[in-house]
């Protein structure tokens, strides 16, 4: 997820303030209260940024250094839309299928005996190669692919 410079400044300031004992007296948290925005939305935006940028969570603290940021969203609907965008997978089902296919071809070479199933679950894309002929011996490859990064989290080959 690409954040605007204003979003990055706000989220960086908000994250730094979270470490302070009286964070709700500080500028970014005052904006949060004024706009009645739940804190977990900001965490979701930060998590999406860290995944997209391949950064560690704590790197948000140094991503910008404006201690007095502006509210970066024009309306509550715009903020909610950005939070929803952060929750959407960056990897499409077609992309997950392609990632799995490229790996499965190395192990099986010919994938024509298999039927492919692709399903998005909470922990990523499940891509399963099942034999078309149920009477055949063996089985296919099974994958869990991270929906944000496209990294193969798990794979299992049935021979």
C-alpha atoms as a PDB file:
ATOM      1  CA  UNK A   1       0.000   0.000   0.000  1.00  0.00           C
ATOM      2  CA  UNK A   2       1.371   3.369  -0.975  1.00  0.00           C
ATOM      3  CA  UNK A   3       0.798   6.027   1.642  1.00  0.00           C
ATOM      4  CA  UNK A   4       0.714   9.723   0.809  1.00  0.00           C
ATOM      5  CA  UNK A   5       3.380  11.903   2.416  1.00  0.00           C
ATOM      6  CA  UNK A   6       0.731  13.385   4.732  1.00  0.00           C
ATOM      7  CA  UNK A   7      -0.475   9.899   5.746  1.00  0.00           C
ATOM      8  CA  UNK A   8       3.093   8.815   6.411  1.00  0.00           C
ATOM      9  CA  UNK A   9       3.780  11.914   8.526  1.00  0.00           C
ATOM     10  CA  UNK A  10       0.604  11.395  10.551  1.00  0.00           C
ATOM     11  CA  UNK A  11       1.088   7.650  11.076  1.00  0.00           C
ATOM     12  CA  UNK A  12       4.756   8.090  11.995  1.00  0.00           C
ATOM     13  CA  UNK A  13       3.893  10.778  14.567  1.00  0.00           C
ATOM     14  CA  UNK A  14       0.979   8.690  15.891  1.00  0.00           C
ATOM     15  CA  UNK A  15       3.216   5.625  16.293  1.00  0.00           C
ATOM     16  CA  UNK A  16       5.910   7.640  18.106  1.00  0.00           C
ATOM     17  CA  UNK A  17       3.286   9.113  20.421  1.00  0.00           C
ATOM     18  CA  UNK A  18       2.015   5.648  21.294  1.00  0.00           C
ATOM     19  CA  UNK A  19       5.231   5.149  23.277  1.00  0.00           C
ATOM     20  CA  UNK A  20       4.496   8.192  25.455  1.00  0.00           C
ATOM     21  CA  UNK A  21       2.620   7.869  28.775  1.00  0.00           C
ATOM     22  CA  UNK A  22       0.216  10.724  27.967  1.00  0.00           C
ATOM     23  CA  UNK A  23      -0.099  10.128  24.247  1.00  0.00           C
ATOM     24  CA  UNK A  24      -3.655  11.489  24.053  1.00  0.00           C
ATOM     25  CA  UNK A  25      -2.307  14.941  24.927  1.00  0.00           C
ATOM     26  CA  UNK A  26      -0.047  14.912  21.857  1.00  0.00           C
ATOM     27  CA  UNK A  27      -0.878  16.285  18.357  1.00  0.00           C
ATOM     28  CA  UNK A  28      -1.551  13.126  16.321  1.00  0.00           C
ATOM     29  CA  UNK A  29      -3.645  11.595  19.086  1.00  0.00           C
ATOM     30  CA  UNK A  30      -5.546  14.851  19.525  1.00  0.00           C
ATOM     31  CA  UNK A  31      -6.416  14.642  15.819  1.00  0.00           C
ATOM     32  CA  UNK A  32      -7.460  11.026  16.274  1.00  0.00           C
ATOM     33  CA  UNK A  33      -9.821  11.988  19.100  1.00  0.00           C
ATOM     34  CA  UNK A  34     -11.189  15.005  17.203  1.00  0.00           C
ATOM     35  CA  UNK A  35     -12.013  12.797  14.192  1.00  0.00           C
ATOM     36  CA  UNK A  36     -13.228   9.857  16.326  1.00  0.00           C
ATOM     37  CA  UNK A  37     -10.993   7.401  14.486  1.00  0.00           C
ATOM     38  CA  UNK A  38     -10.251   4.042  16.111  1.00  0.00           C
ATOM     39  CA  UNK A  39      -6.565   3.377  16.728  1.00  0.00           C
ATOM     40  CA  UNK A  40      -6.698  -0.089  15.208  1.00  0.00           C
ATOM     41  CA  UNK A  41      -7.335   1.550  11.817  1.00  0.00           C
ATOM     42  CA  UNK A  42      -3.946   3.237  12.026  1.00  0.00           C
ATOM     43  CA  UNK A  43      -2.299  -0.044  12.962  1.00  0.00           C
ATOM     44  CA  UNK A  44      -3.907  -1.648   9.910  1.00  0.00           C
ATOM     45  CA  UNK A  45      -2.572   1.130   7.673  1.00  0.00           C
ATOM     46  CA  UNK A  46       0.903   0.824   9.200  1.00  0.00           C
ATOM     47  CA  UNK A  47       0.887  -2.968   8.752  1.00  0.00           C
ATOM     48  CA  UNK A  48      -0.119  -2.609   5.097  1.00  0.00           C
ATOM     49  CA  UNK A  49       2.683  -0.078   4.593  1.00  0.00           C
ATOM     50  CA  UNK A  50       5.288  -2.333   6.229  1.00  0.00           C
ATOM     51  CA  UNK A  51       4.271  -5.271   4.037  1.00  0.00           C
ATOM     52  CA  UNK A  52       4.206  -3.242   0.830  1.00  0.00           C
ATOM     53  CA  UNK A  53       7.534  -1.563   1.579  1.00  0.00           C
ATOM     54  CA  UNK A  54       9.085  -4.704   3.115  1.00  0.00           C
ATOM     55  CA  UNK A  55       9.901  -2.841   6.310  1.00  0.00           C
ATOM     56  CA  UNK A  56       9.840  -3.789   9.955  1.00  0.00           C
ATOM     57  CA  UNK A  57       7.019  -2.427  12.107  1.00  0.00           C
ATOM     58  CA  UNK A  58       9.289  -0.122  14.100  1.00  0.00           C
ATOM     59  CA  UNK A  59      10.555   1.569  10.940  1.00  0.00           C
ATOM     60  CA  UNK A  60       7.342   3.625  10.901  1.00  0.00           C
ATOM     61  CA  UNK A  61       8.828   5.574  13.827  1.00  0.00           C
ATOM     62  CA  UNK A  62      11.519   7.023  11.563  1.00  0.00           C
ATOM     63  CA  UNK A  63       9.511   7.176   8.318  1.00  0.00           C
ATOM     64  CA  UNK A  64       8.803  10.888   8.852  1.00  0.00           C
ATOM     65  CA  UNK A  65       9.768  13.407  11.503  1.00  0.00           C
ATOM     66  CA  UNK A  66       6.951  15.946  11.601  1.00  0.00           C
ATOM     67  CA  UNK A  67       5.915  16.128  15.281  1.00  0.00           C
ATOM     68  CA  UNK A  68       2.823  18.189  14.446  1.00  0.00           C
ATOM     69  CA  UNK A  69       1.179  16.497  11.431  1.00  0.00           C
ATOM     70  CA  UNK A  70      -2.029  17.510   9.731  1.00  0.00           C
ATOM     71  CA  UNK A  71      -5.040  15.208   9.444  1.00  0.00           C
ATOM     72  CA  UNK A  72      -4.396  13.602   6.042  1.00  0.00           C
ATOM     73  CA  UNK A  73      -7.928  12.496   5.127  1.00  0.00           C
ATOM     74  CA  UNK A  74     -10.556  14.858   3.711  1.00  0.00           C
ATOM     75  CA  UNK A  75     -13.504  12.927   5.155  1.00  0.00           C
ATOM     76  CA  UNK A  76     -14.324   9.961   7.384  1.00  0.00           C
ATOM     77  CA  UNK A  77     -15.286   8.074   4.214  1.00  0.00           C
ATOM     78  CA  UNK A  78     -11.846   8.646   2.698  1.00  0.00           C
ATOM     79  CA  UNK A  79     -10.135   7.299   5.830  1.00  0.00           C
ATOM     80  CA  UNK A  80     -12.460   4.290   5.898  1.00  0.00           C
ATOM     81  CA  UNK A  81     -11.761   3.652   2.211  1.00  0.00           C
ATOM     82  CA  UNK A  82      -8.006   3.695   2.847  1.00  0.00           C
ATOM     83  CA  UNK A  83      -8.399   1.276   5.768  1.00  0.00           C
ATOM     84  CA  UNK A  84     -10.464  -1.049   3.541  1.00  0.00           C
ATOM     85  CA  UNK A  85      -7.786  -0.785   0.863  1.00  0.00           C
ATOM     86  CA  UNK A  86      -5.176  -1.773   3.454  1.00  0.00           C
ATOM     87  CA  UNK A  87      -7.148  -4.919   4.195  1.00  0.00           C
ATOM     88  CA  UNK A  88      -7.422  -6.024   0.577  1.00  0.00           C
ATOM     89  CA  UNK A  89      -4.951  -8.565  -0.700  1.00  0.00           C
ATOM     90  CA  UNK A  90      -2.281  -7.135  -2.954  1.00  0.00           C
ATOM     91  CA  UNK A  91      -1.868 -10.518  -4.622  1.00  0.00           C
ATOM     92  CA  UNK A  92      -4.812 -11.488  -6.829  1.00  0.00           C
ATOM     93  CA  UNK A  93      -6.063 -15.054  -7.250  1.00  0.00           C
ATOM     94  CA  UNK A  94      -4.492 -15.140 -10.726  1.00  0.00           C
ATOM     95  CA  UNK A  95      -1.152 -14.049  -9.300  1.00  0.00           C
ATOM     96  CA  UNK A  96      -1.331 -16.672  -6.523  1.00  0.00           C
ATOM     97  CA  UNK A  97      -2.188 -19.335  -9.112  1.00  0.00           C
ATOM     98  CA  UNK A  98       0.789 -18.296 -11.258  1.00  0.00           C
ATOM     99  CA  UNK A  99       3.187 -18.355  -8.264  1.00  0.00           C
ATOM    100  CA  UNK A 100       2.025 -21.859  -7.360  1.00  0.00           C
ATOM    101  CA  UNK A 101       2.066 -23.064 -10.988  1.00  0.00           C
ATOM    102  CA  UNK A 102       5.651 -21.957 -11.528  1.00  0.00           C
ATOM    103  CA  UNK A 103       6.744 -23.868  -8.436  1.00  0.00           C
ATOM    104  CA  UNK A 104       4.584 -26.941  -9.161  1.00  0.00           C
ATOM    105  CA  UNK A 105       5.959 -27.208 -12.703  1.00  0.00           C
ATOM    106  CA  UNK A 106       9.445 -27.654 -11.249  1.00  0.00           C
ATOM    107  CA  UNK A 107       8.283 -30.623  -9.178  1.00  0.00           C
ATOM    108  CA  UNK A 108       5.699 -32.222 -11.500  1.00  0.00           C
ATOM    109  CA  UNK A 109       6.585 -30.832 -14.950  1.00  0.00           C
ATOM    110  CA  UNK A 110       3.206 -31.802 -16.460  1.00  0.00           C
ATOM    111  CA  UNK A 111       0.274 -30.304 -14.582  1.00  0.00           C
ATOM    112  CA  UNK A 112      -2.406 -31.493 -17.032  1.00  0.00           C
ATOM    113  CA  UNK A 113      -3.538 -34.388 -14.757  1.00  0.00           C
ATOM    114  CA  UNK A 114      -4.481 -31.860 -12.063  1.00  0.00           C
ATOM    115  CA  UNK A 115      -7.455 -29.646 -11.334  1.00  0.00           C
ATOM    116  CA  UNK A 116      -6.529 -26.388  -9.579  1.00  0.00           C
ATOM    117  CA  UNK A 117      -8.450 -24.809  -6.724  1.00  0.00           C
ATOM    118  CA  UNK A 118      -7.630 -21.277  -5.509  1.00  0.00           C
ATOM    119  CA  UNK A 119      -9.269 -19.853  -2.395  1.00  0.00           C
ATOM    120  CA  UNK A 120      -8.524 -16.830  -0.200  1.00  0.00           C
ATOM    121  CA  UNK A 121      -8.483 -17.585   3.525  1.00  0.00           C
ATOM    122  CA  UNK A 122      -7.476 -15.497   6.536  1.00  0.00           C
ATOM    123  CA  UNK A 123      -3.880 -16.706   6.366  1.00  0.00           C
ATOM    124  CA  UNK A 124      -3.442 -16.326   2.593  1.00  0.00           C
ATOM    125  CA  UNK A 125      -4.263 -17.880  -0.744  1.00  0.00           C
ATOM    126  CA  UNK A 126      -4.714 -21.654  -0.751  1.00  0.00           C
ATOM    127  CA  UNK A 127      -3.755 -23.167  -4.072  1.00  0.00           C
ATOM    128  CA  UNK A 128      -4.376 -26.899  -4.343  1.00  0.00           C
ATOM    129  CA  UNK A 129      -3.598 -29.228  -7.221  1.00  0.00           C
ATOM    130  CA  UNK A 130      -5.912 -32.241  -7.051  1.00  0.00           C
ATOM    131  CA  UNK A 131      -5.790 -35.180  -9.424  1.00  0.00           C
ATOM    132  CA  UNK A 132      -8.625 -35.126 -11.965  1.00  0.00           C
ATOM    133  CA  UNK A 133      -8.755 -38.924 -11.911  1.00  0.00           C
ATOM    134  CA  UNK A 134      -9.542 -39.890  -8.336  1.00  0.00           C
ATOM    135  CA  UNK A 135      -8.547 -43.501  -9.070  1.00  0.00           C
ATOM    136  CA  UNK A 136      -4.932 -42.426  -9.702  1.00  0.00           C
ATOM    137  CA  UNK A 137      -2.226 -42.946  -7.115  1.00  0.00           C
ATOM    138  CA  UNK A 138      -0.545 -39.935  -5.509  1.00  0.00           C
ATOM    139  CA  UNK A 139      -1.613 -36.357  -5.407  1.00  0.00           C
ATOM    140  CA  UNK A 140      -0.643 -32.833  -6.234  1.00  0.00           C
ATOM    141  CA  UNK A 141       0.972 -29.789  -4.711  1.00  0.00           C
ATOM    142  CA  UNK A 142      -0.633 -27.709  -1.985  1.00  0.00           C
ATOM    143  CA  UNK A 143       0.326 -24.109  -1.217  1.00  0.00           C
ATOM    144  CA  UNK A 144      -0.423 -21.277   1.161  1.00  0.00           C
ATOM    145  CA  UNK A 145       0.667 -18.001  -0.432  1.00  0.00           C
ATOM    146  CA  UNK A 146       0.819 -14.731   1.479  1.00  0.00           C
ATOM    147  CA  UNK A 147      -1.948 -12.487   0.112  1.00  0.00           C
ATOM    148  CA  UNK A 148       0.094  -9.316   0.618  1.00  0.00           C
ATOM    149  CA  UNK A 149       3.604 -10.309  -0.461  1.00  0.00           C
ATOM    150  CA  UNK A 150       3.109 -13.357  -2.698  1.00  0.00           C
ATOM    151  CA  UNK A 151       5.633 -15.381  -0.685  1.00  0.00           C
ATOM    152  CA  UNK A 152       4.974 -19.118  -0.501  1.00  0.00           C
ATOM    153  CA  UNK A 153       4.366 -19.650   3.233  1.00  0.00           C
ATOM    154  CA  UNK A 154       3.746 -23.387   3.034  1.00  0.00           C
ATOM    155  CA  UNK A 155       4.017 -26.019   0.375  1.00  0.00           C
ATOM    156  CA  UNK A 156       3.503 -29.754   0.323  1.00  0.00           C
ATOM    157  CA  UNK A 157       4.019 -32.183  -2.515  1.00  0.00           C
ATOM    158  CA  UNK A 158       2.088 -35.438  -2.716  1.00  0.00           C
ATOM    159  CA  UNK A 159       3.728 -37.974  -5.018  1.00  0.00           C
END
